[in-house]
């Protein structure tokens, strides 16, 4: 199987979870910190942090530290294309 197809399939599996898909579509317009994300989703911070960790580990998100805050954004490339197509 083509490596590119396998990578896209993995991205789709990661984005296939409803919470992760909501996070990704929310980040399609820019970056946000954990607190902004969990408040927007109305979910516990721990749950959102776990999903962010999975997304970051699989190359879906970039994270940058701003003082004590960590801001997340979608990685450029196939991830942003998939999320835009789904929106």
PDB file of N, CA and C in Angstrom:
ATOM      1  N   UNK A   1       0.853  -1.185   0.000  1.00  0.00           N
ATOM      2  CA  UNK A   1       0.000   0.000   0.000  1.00  0.00           C
ATOM      3  C   UNK A   1       0.897   1.246   0.000  1.00  0.00           C
ATOM      4  N   UNK A   2       0.461   2.245  -0.652  1.00  0.00           N
ATOM      5  CA  UNK A   2       1.199   3.498  -0.753  1.00  0.00           C
ATOM      6  C   UNK A   2       1.321   4.155   0.628  1.00  0.00           C
ATOM      7  N   UNK A   3       2.532   4.600   0.959  1.00  0.00           N
ATOM      8  CA  UNK A   3       2.783   5.211   2.279  1.00  0.00           C
ATOM      9  C   UNK A   3       1.901   6.440   2.511  1.00  0.00           C
ATOM     10  N   UNK A   4       1.712   7.255   1.484  1.00  0.00           N
ATOM     11  CA  UNK A   4       0.880   8.451   1.614  1.00  0.00           C
ATOM     12  C   UNK A   4      -0.561   8.083   1.959  1.00  0.00           C
ATOM     13  N   UNK A   5      -1.070   7.026   1.342  1.00  0.00           N
ATOM     14  CA  UNK A   5      -2.434   6.572   1.623  1.00  0.00           C
ATOM     15  C   UNK A   5      -2.536   6.101   3.072  1.00  0.00           C
ATOM     16  N   UNK A   6      -1.512   5.398   3.547  1.00  0.00           N
ATOM     17  CA  UNK A   6      -1.506   4.934   4.931  1.00  0.00           C
ATOM     18  C   UNK A   6      -1.501   6.108   5.912  1.00  0.00           C
ATOM     19  N   UNK A   7      -0.733   7.157   5.597  1.00  0.00           N
ATOM     20  CA  UNK A   7      -0.674   8.333   6.466  1.00  0.00           C
ATOM     21  C   UNK A   7      -2.017   9.053   6.513  1.00  0.00           C
ATOM     22  N   UNK A   8      -2.682   9.171   5.370  1.00  0.00           N
ATOM     23  CA  UNK A   8      -3.996   9.818   5.337  1.00  0.00           C
ATOM     24  C   UNK A   8      -5.009   8.976   6.108  1.00  0.00           C
ATOM     25  N   UNK A   9      -4.930   7.654   5.970  1.00  0.00           N
ATOM     26  CA  UNK A   9      -5.845   6.770   6.705  1.00  0.00           C
ATOM     27  C   UNK A   9      -5.657   6.935   8.215  1.00  0.00           C
ATOM     28  N   UNK A  10      -4.404   7.068   8.661  1.00  0.00           N
ATOM     29  CA  UNK A  10      -4.145   7.291  10.090  1.00  0.00           C
ATOM     30  C   UNK A  10      -4.739   8.616  10.544  1.00  0.00           C
ATOM     31  N   UNK A  11      -4.546   9.667   9.757  1.00  0.00           N
ATOM     32  CA  UNK A  11      -5.131  10.969  10.102  1.00  0.00           C
ATOM     33  C   UNK A  11      -6.647  10.874  10.212  1.00  0.00           C
ATOM     34  N   UNK A  12      -7.264  10.142   9.295  1.00  0.00           N
ATOM     35  CA  UNK A  12      -8.718   9.992   9.340  1.00  0.00           C
ATOM     36  C   UNK A  12      -9.164   9.223  10.581  1.00  0.00           C
ATOM     37  N   UNK A  13      -8.377   8.226  10.985  1.00  0.00           N
ATOM     38  CA  UNK A  13      -8.712   7.493  12.222  1.00  0.00           C
ATOM     39  C   UNK A  13      -8.597   8.415  13.434  1.00  0.00           C
ATOM     40  N   UNK A  14      -7.556   9.228  13.468  1.00  0.00           N
ATOM     41  CA  UNK A  14      -7.384  10.160  14.585  1.00  0.00           C
ATOM     42  C   UNK A  14      -8.534  11.162  14.610  1.00  0.00           C
ATOM     43  N   UNK A  15      -8.884  11.702  13.457  1.00  0.00           N
ATOM     44  CA  UNK A  15      -9.965  12.691  13.392  1.00  0.00           C
ATOM     45  C   UNK A  15     -11.348  12.066  13.473  1.00  0.00           C
ATOM     46  N   UNK A  16     -11.407  10.735  13.441  1.00  0.00           N
ATOM     47  CA  UNK A  16     -12.693  10.042  13.479  1.00  0.00           C
ATOM     48  C   UNK A  16     -13.401  10.100  14.829  1.00  0.00           C
ATOM     49  N   UNK A  17     -12.701  10.466  15.871  1.00  0.00           N
ATOM     50  CA  UNK A  17     -13.338  10.590  17.182  1.00  0.00           C
ATOM     51  C   UNK A  17     -14.060  11.934  17.240  1.00  0.00           C
ATOM     52  N   UNK A  18     -15.313  11.953  17.683  1.00  0.00           N
ATOM     53  CA  UNK A  18     -16.087  13.198  17.684  1.00  0.00           C
ATOM     54  C   UNK A  18     -15.421  14.360  18.430  1.00  0.00           C
ATOM     55  N   UNK A  19     -14.799  14.090  19.563  1.00  0.00           N
ATOM     56  CA  UNK A  19     -14.152  15.176  20.319  1.00  0.00           C
ATOM     57  C   UNK A  19     -12.962  15.716  19.541  1.00  0.00           C
ATOM     58  N   UNK A  20     -12.148  14.822  18.987  1.00  0.00           N
ATOM     59  CA  UNK A  20     -10.982  15.274  18.237  1.00  0.00           C
ATOM     60  C   UNK A  20     -11.389  16.020  16.973  1.00  0.00           C
ATOM     61  N   UNK A  21     -12.461  15.582  16.344  1.00  0.00           N
ATOM     62  CA  UNK A  21     -12.940  16.285  15.153  1.00  0.00           C
ATOM     63  C   UNK A  21     -13.427  17.684  15.521  1.00  0.00           C
ATOM     64  N   UNK A  22     -14.113  17.813  16.650  1.00  0.00           N
ATOM     65  CA  UNK A  22     -14.559  19.137  17.106  1.00  0.00           C
ATOM     66  C   UNK A  22     -13.367  20.035  17.420  1.00  0.00           C
ATOM     67  N   UNK A  23     -12.338  19.474  18.027  1.00  0.00           N
ATOM     68  CA  UNK A  23     -11.131  20.252  18.321  1.00  0.00           C
ATOM     69  C   UNK A  23     -10.490  20.711  17.016  1.00  0.00           C
ATOM     70  N   UNK A  24     -10.341  19.798  16.066  1.00  0.00           N
ATOM     71  CA  UNK A  24      -9.692  20.125  14.795  1.00  0.00           C
ATOM     72  C   UNK A  24     -10.465  21.184  14.020  1.00  0.00           C
ATOM     73  N   UNK A  25     -11.776  21.065  13.957  1.00  0.00           N
ATOM     74  CA  UNK A  25     -12.549  22.062  13.215  1.00  0.00           C
ATOM     75  C   UNK A  25     -12.503  23.409  13.916  1.00  0.00           C
ATOM     76  N   UNK A  26     -12.442  23.394  15.243  1.00  0.00           N
ATOM     77  CA  UNK A  26     -12.316  24.647  15.988  1.00  0.00           C
ATOM     78  C   UNK A  26     -10.972  25.321  15.762  1.00  0.00           C
ATOM     79  N   UNK A  27      -9.926  24.522  15.579  1.00  0.00           N
ATOM     80  CA  UNK A  27      -8.593  25.076  15.362  1.00  0.00           C
ATOM     81  C   UNK A  27      -8.326  25.423  13.900  1.00  0.00           C
ATOM     82  N   UNK A  28      -9.264  25.112  13.029  1.00  0.00           N
ATOM     83  CA  UNK A  28      -9.079  25.400  11.603  1.00  0.00           C
ATOM     84  C   UNK A  28      -8.947  26.898  11.339  1.00  0.00           C
ATOM     85  N   UNK A  29      -9.469  27.720  12.246  1.00  0.00           N
ATOM     86  CA  UNK A  29      -9.420  29.167  12.049  1.00  0.00           C
ATOM     87  C   UNK A  29      -8.274  29.832  12.788  1.00  0.00           C
ATOM     88  N   UNK A  30      -7.491  29.063  13.557  1.00  0.00           N
ATOM     89  CA  UNK A  30      -6.374  29.651  14.281  1.00  0.00           C
ATOM     90  C   UNK A  30      -5.966  28.802  15.463  1.00  0.00           C
ATOM     91  N   UNK A  31      -5.187  29.390  16.353  1.00  0.00           N
ATOM     92  CA  UNK A  31      -4.692  28.638  17.509  1.00  0.00           C
ATOM     93  C   UNK A  31      -5.517  28.969  18.749  1.00  0.00           C
ATOM     94  N   UNK A  32      -5.409  28.086  19.737  1.00  0.00           N
ATOM     95  CA  UNK A  32      -6.111  28.296  21.006  1.00  0.00           C
ATOM     96  C   UNK A  32      -5.371  27.528  22.096  1.00  0.00           C
ATOM     97  N   UNK A  33      -5.515  27.995  23.330  1.00  0.00           N
ATOM     98  CA  UNK A  33      -4.902  27.288  24.453  1.00  0.00           C
ATOM     99  C   UNK A  33      -5.903  26.264  24.995  1.00  0.00           C
ATOM    100  N   UNK A  34      -5.408  25.393  25.841  1.00  0.00           N
ATOM    101  CA  UNK A  34      -6.235  24.308  26.389  1.00  0.00           C
ATOM    102  C   UNK A  34      -7.492  24.858  27.051  1.00  0.00           C
ATOM    103  N   UNK A  35      -7.340  25.891  27.868  1.00  0.00           N
ATOM    104  CA  UNK A  35      -8.493  26.439  28.581  1.00  0.00           C
ATOM    105  C   UNK A  35      -9.567  26.925  27.600  1.00  0.00           C
ATOM    106  N   UNK A  36      -9.157  27.611  26.553  1.00  0.00           N
ATOM    107  CA  UNK A  36     -10.116  28.099  25.554  1.00  0.00           C
ATOM    108  C   UNK A  36     -10.831  26.931  24.882  1.00  0.00           C
ATOM    109  N   UNK A  37     -10.083  25.870  24.624  1.00  0.00           N
ATOM    110  CA  UNK A  37     -10.667  24.713  23.941  1.00  0.00           C
ATOM    111  C   UNK A  37     -11.679  24.007  24.839  1.00  0.00           C
ATOM    112  N   UNK A  38     -11.306  23.712  26.099  1.00  0.00           N
ATOM    113  CA  UNK A  38     -12.251  22.973  26.934  1.00  0.00           C
ATOM    114  C   UNK A  38     -13.455  23.810  27.318  1.00  0.00           C
ATOM    115  N   UNK A  39     -13.272  25.119  27.457  1.00  0.00           N
ATOM    116  CA  UNK A  39     -14.430  25.974  27.738  1.00  0.00           C
ATOM    117  C   UNK A  39     -15.378  25.998  26.545  1.00  0.00           C
ATOM    118  N   UNK A  40     -14.828  26.070  25.353  1.00  0.00           N
ATOM    119  CA  UNK A  40     -15.644  26.088  24.138  1.00  0.00           C
ATOM    120  C   UNK A  40     -16.414  24.773  23.971  1.00  0.00           C
ATOM    121  N   UNK A  41     -15.744  23.660  24.277  1.00  0.00           N
ATOM    122  CA  UNK A  41     -16.383  22.348  24.128  1.00  0.00           C
ATOM    123  C   UNK A  41     -17.308  22.014  25.295  1.00  0.00           C
ATOM    124  N   UNK A  42     -17.129  22.708  26.438  1.00  0.00           N
ATOM    125  CA  UNK A  42     -17.930  22.399  27.617  1.00  0.00           C
ATOM    126  C   UNK A  42     -17.593  21.033  28.192  1.00  0.00           C
ATOM    127  N   UNK A  43     -16.310  20.682  28.129  1.00  0.00           N
ATOM    128  CA  UNK A  43     -15.860  19.377  28.607  1.00  0.00           C
ATOM    129  C   UNK A  43     -14.799  19.575  29.678  1.00  0.00           C
ATOM    130  N   UNK A  44     -14.568  18.547  30.507  1.00  0.00           N
ATOM    131  CA  UNK A  44     -13.510  18.647  31.515  1.00  0.00           C
ATOM    132  C   UNK A  44     -12.136  18.832  30.875  1.00  0.00           C
ATOM    133  N   UNK A  45     -11.302  19.607  31.540  1.00  0.00           N
ATOM    134  CA  UNK A  45      -9.969  19.905  31.030  1.00  0.00           C
ATOM    135  C   UNK A  45      -9.163  18.629  30.809  1.00  0.00           C
ATOM    136  N   UNK A  46      -9.274  17.666  31.702  1.00  0.00           N
ATOM    137  CA  UNK A  46      -8.498  16.428  31.589  1.00  0.00           C
ATOM    138  C   UNK A  46      -8.850  15.657  30.317  1.00  0.00           C
ATOM    139  N   UNK A  47     -10.124  15.628  29.973  1.00  0.00           N
ATOM    140  CA  UNK A  47     -10.571  14.921  28.769  1.00  0.00           C
ATOM    141  C   UNK A  47      -9.998  15.598  27.525  1.00  0.00           C
ATOM    142  N   UNK A  48     -10.110  16.905  27.474  1.00  0.00           N
ATOM    143  CA  UNK A  48      -9.597  17.660  26.326  1.00  0.00           C
ATOM    144  C   UNK A  48      -8.081  17.497  26.222  1.00  0.00           C
ATOM    145  N   UNK A  49      -7.380  17.554  27.343  1.00  0.00           N
ATOM    146  CA  UNK A  49      -5.925  17.398  27.330  1.00  0.00           C
ATOM    147  C   UNK A  49      -5.509  16.034  26.793  1.00  0.00           C
ATOM    148  N   UNK A  50      -6.242  14.984  27.142  1.00  0.00           N
ATOM    149  CA  UNK A  50      -5.927  13.650  26.633  1.00  0.00           C
ATOM    150  C   UNK A  50      -6.074  13.592  25.114  1.00  0.00           C
ATOM    151  N   UNK A  51      -7.129  14.193  24.597  1.00  0.00           N
ATOM    152  CA  UNK A  51      -7.339  14.198  23.143  1.00  0.00           C
ATOM    153  C   UNK A  51      -6.269  15.048  22.446  1.00  0.00           C
ATOM    154  N   UNK A  52      -5.910  16.167  23.046  1.00  0.00           N
ATOM    155  CA  UNK A  52      -4.854  16.996  22.472  1.00  0.00           C
ATOM    156  C   UNK A  52      -3.535  16.232  22.426  1.00  0.00           C
ATOM    157  N   UNK A  53      -3.257  15.466  23.465  1.00  0.00           N
ATOM    158  CA  UNK A  53      -2.028  14.675  23.521  1.00  0.00           C
ATOM    159  C   UNK A  53      -1.998  13.667  22.372  1.00  0.00           C
ATOM    160  N   UNK A  54      -3.095  12.956  22.159  1.00  0.00           N
ATOM    161  CA  UNK A  54      -3.172  11.973  21.069  1.00  0.00           C
ATOM    162  C   UNK A  54      -2.963  12.663  19.724  1.00  0.00           C
ATOM    163  N   UNK A  55      -3.618  13.791  19.534  1.00  0.00           N
ATOM    164  CA  UNK A  55      -3.511  14.516  18.270  1.00  0.00           C
ATOM    165  C   UNK A  55      -2.091  15.023  18.033  1.00  0.00           C
ATOM    166  N   UNK A  56      -1.448  15.502  19.086  1.00  0.00           N
ATOM    167  CA  UNK A  56      -0.074  15.999  18.962  1.00  0.00           C
ATOM    168  C   UNK A  56       0.886  14.855  18.660  1.00  0.00           C
ATOM    169  N   UNK A  57       0.726  13.731  19.359  1.00  0.00           N
ATOM    170  CA  UNK A  57       1.595  12.570  19.147  1.00  0.00           C
ATOM    171  C   UNK A  57       1.513  12.021  17.728  1.00  0.00           C
ATOM    172  N   UNK A  58       0.354  12.174  17.105  1.00  0.00           N
ATOM    173  CA  UNK A  58       0.162  11.651  15.746  1.00  0.00           C
ATOM    174  C   UNK A  58       0.363  12.714  14.664  1.00  0.00           C
ATOM    175  N   UNK A  59       0.912  13.850  15.043  1.00  0.00           N
ATOM    176  CA  UNK A  59       1.271  14.854  14.059  1.00  0.00           C
ATOM    177  C   UNK A  59       0.123  15.676  13.505  1.00  0.00           C
ATOM    178  N   UNK A  60      -0.988  15.714  14.232  1.00  0.00           N
ATOM    179  CA  UNK A  60      -2.147  16.495  13.791  1.00  0.00           C
ATOM    180  C   UNK A  60      -2.023  17.940  14.248  1.00  0.00           C
ATOM    181  N   UNK A  61      -1.396  18.140  15.413  1.00  0.00           N
ATOM    182  CA  UNK A  61      -1.307  19.474  16.005  1.00  0.00           C
ATOM    183  C   UNK A  61       0.136  19.919  16.208  1.00  0.00           C
ATOM    184  N   UNK A  62       0.310  21.222  16.169  1.00  0.00           N
ATOM    185  CA  UNK A  62       1.535  21.865  16.627  1.00  0.00           C
ATOM    186  C   UNK A  62       1.208  22.509  17.968  1.00  0.00           C
ATOM    187  N   UNK A  63       2.196  22.587  18.843  1.00  0.00           N
ATOM    188  CA  UNK A  63       2.004  23.240  20.142  1.00  0.00           C
ATOM    189  C   UNK A  63       3.168  24.189  20.378  1.00  0.00           C
ATOM    190  N   UNK A  64       2.840  25.373  20.890  1.00  0.00           N
ATOM    191  CA  UNK A  64       3.899  26.317  21.240  1.00  0.00           C
ATOM    192  C   UNK A  64       3.568  26.933  22.598  1.00  0.00           C
ATOM    193  N   UNK A  65       4.605  27.118  23.365  1.00  0.00           N
ATOM    194  CA  UNK A  65       4.448  27.668  24.712  1.00  0.00           C
ATOM    195  C   UNK A  65       4.476  29.185  24.648  1.00  0.00           C
ATOM    196  N   UNK A  66       3.526  29.797  25.340  1.00  0.00           N
ATOM    197  CA  UNK A  66       3.454  31.256  25.493  1.00  0.00           C
ATOM    198  C   UNK A  66       3.362  31.529  26.986  1.00  0.00           C
ATOM    199  N   UNK A  67       4.513  31.669  27.629  1.00  0.00           N
ATOM    200  CA  UNK A  67       4.526  31.825  29.085  1.00  0.00           C
ATOM    201  C   UNK A  67       4.098  30.526  29.728  1.00  0.00           C
ATOM    202  N   UNK A  68       3.022  30.555  30.513  1.00  0.00           N
ATOM    203  CA  UNK A  68       2.528  29.340  31.154  1.00  0.00           C
ATOM    204  C   UNK A  68       1.494  28.616  30.302  1.00  0.00           C
ATOM    205  N   UNK A  69       1.074  29.242  29.219  1.00  0.00           N
ATOM    206  CA  UNK A  69       0.053  28.660  28.342  1.00  0.00           C
ATOM    207  C   UNK A  69       0.699  27.884  27.202  1.00  0.00           C
ATOM    208  N   UNK A  70      -0.004  26.847  26.756  1.00  0.00           N
ATOM    209  CA  UNK A  70       0.391  26.124  25.559  1.00  0.00           C
ATOM    210  C   UNK A  70      -0.716  26.343  24.538  1.00  0.00           C
ATOM    211  N   UNK A  71      -0.341  26.876  23.385  1.00  0.00           N
ATOM    212  CA  UNK A  71      -1.313  27.136  22.328  1.00  0.00           C
ATOM    213  C   UNK A  71      -1.186  26.077  21.249  1.00  0.00           C
ATOM    214  N   UNK A  72      -2.316  25.549  20.830  1.00  0.00           N
ATOM    215  CA  UNK A  72      -2.358  24.492  19.825  1.00  0.00           C
ATOM    216  C   UNK A  72      -2.895  25.038  18.511  1.00  0.00           C
ATOM    217  N   UNK A  73      -2.374  24.489  17.423  1.00  0.00           N
ATOM    218  CA  UNK A  73      -2.871  24.814  16.089  1.00  0.00           C
ATOM    219  C   UNK A  73      -2.739  23.569  15.214  1.00  0.00           C
ATOM    220  N   UNK A  74      -3.502  23.537  14.124  1.00  0.00           N
ATOM    221  CA  UNK A  74      -3.400  22.419  13.199  1.00  0.00           C
ATOM    222  C   UNK A  74      -2.091  22.498  12.443  1.00  0.00           C
ATOM    223  N   UNK A  75      -1.478  21.345  12.197  1.00  0.00           N
ATOM    224  CA  UNK A  75      -0.278  21.312  11.362  1.00  0.00           C
ATOM    225  C   UNK A  75      -0.687  21.595   9.932  1.00  0.00           C
ATOM    226  N   UNK A  76       0.147  22.333   9.244  1.00  0.00           N
ATOM    227  CA  UNK A  76      -0.107  22.605   7.836  1.00  0.00           C
ATOM    228  C   UNK A  76       0.063  21.319   7.029  1.00  0.00           C
ATOM    229  N   UNK A  77      -0.669  21.211   5.953  1.00  0.00           N
ATOM    230  CA  UNK A  77      -0.543  20.051   5.081  1.00  0.00           C
ATOM    231  C   UNK A  77      -1.832  19.261   5.015  1.00  0.00           C
ATOM    232  N   UNK A  78      -1.709  17.933   4.948  1.00  0.00           N
ATOM    233  CA  UNK A  78      -2.895  17.088   4.779  1.00  0.00           C
ATOM    234  C   UNK A  78      -3.951  17.288   5.860  1.00  0.00           C
ATOM    235  N   UNK A  79      -3.512  17.548   7.088  1.00  0.00           N
ATOM    236  CA  UNK A  79      -4.472  17.734   8.182  1.00  0.00           C
ATOM    237  C   UNK A  79      -5.405  18.894   7.887  1.00  0.00           C
ATOM    238  N   UNK A  80      -4.840  20.037   7.527  1.00  0.00           N
ATOM    239  CA  UNK A  80      -5.682  21.201   7.260  1.00  0.00           C
ATOM    240  C   UNK A  80      -6.575  20.978   6.040  1.00  0.00           C
ATOM    241  N   UNK A  81      -6.061  20.269   5.054  1.00  0.00           N
ATOM    242  CA  UNK A  81      -6.871  19.973   3.871  1.00  0.00           C
ATOM    243  C   UNK A  81      -8.051  19.084   4.216  1.00  0.00           C
ATOM    244  N   UNK A  82      -7.819  18.064   5.044  1.00  0.00           N
ATOM    245  CA  UNK A  82      -8.896  17.155   5.453  1.00  0.00           C
ATOM    246  C   UNK A  82      -9.948  17.918   6.249  1.00  0.00           C
ATOM    247  N   UNK A  83      -9.521  18.718   7.208  1.00  0.00           N
ATOM    248  CA  UNK A  83     -10.464  19.449   8.054  1.00  0.00           C
ATOM    249  C   UNK A  83     -11.275  20.441   7.213  1.00  0.00           C
ATOM    250  N   UNK A  84     -10.635  21.136   6.296  1.00  0.00           N
ATOM    251  CA  UNK A  84     -11.360  22.064   5.426  1.00  0.00           C
ATOM    252  C   UNK A  84     -12.373  21.328   4.564  1.00  0.00           C
ATOM    253  N   UNK A  85     -11.997  20.159   4.064  1.00  0.00           N
ATOM    254  CA  UNK A  85     -12.917  19.367   3.240  1.00  0.00           C
ATOM    255  C   UNK A  85     -14.124  18.901   4.039  1.00  0.00           C
ATOM    256  N   UNK A  86     -13.909  18.592   5.321  1.00  0.00           N
ATOM    257  CA  UNK A  86     -15.002  18.128   6.178  1.00  0.00           C
ATOM    258  C   UNK A  86     -15.919  19.261   6.632  1.00  0.00           C
ATOM    259  N   UNK A  87     -15.405  20.481   6.602  1.00  0.00           N
ATOM    260  CA  UNK A  87     -16.197  21.609   7.097  1.00  0.00           C
ATOM    261  C   UNK A  87     -17.211  21.994   6.124  1.00  0.00           C
TER     262      UNK A  87
END
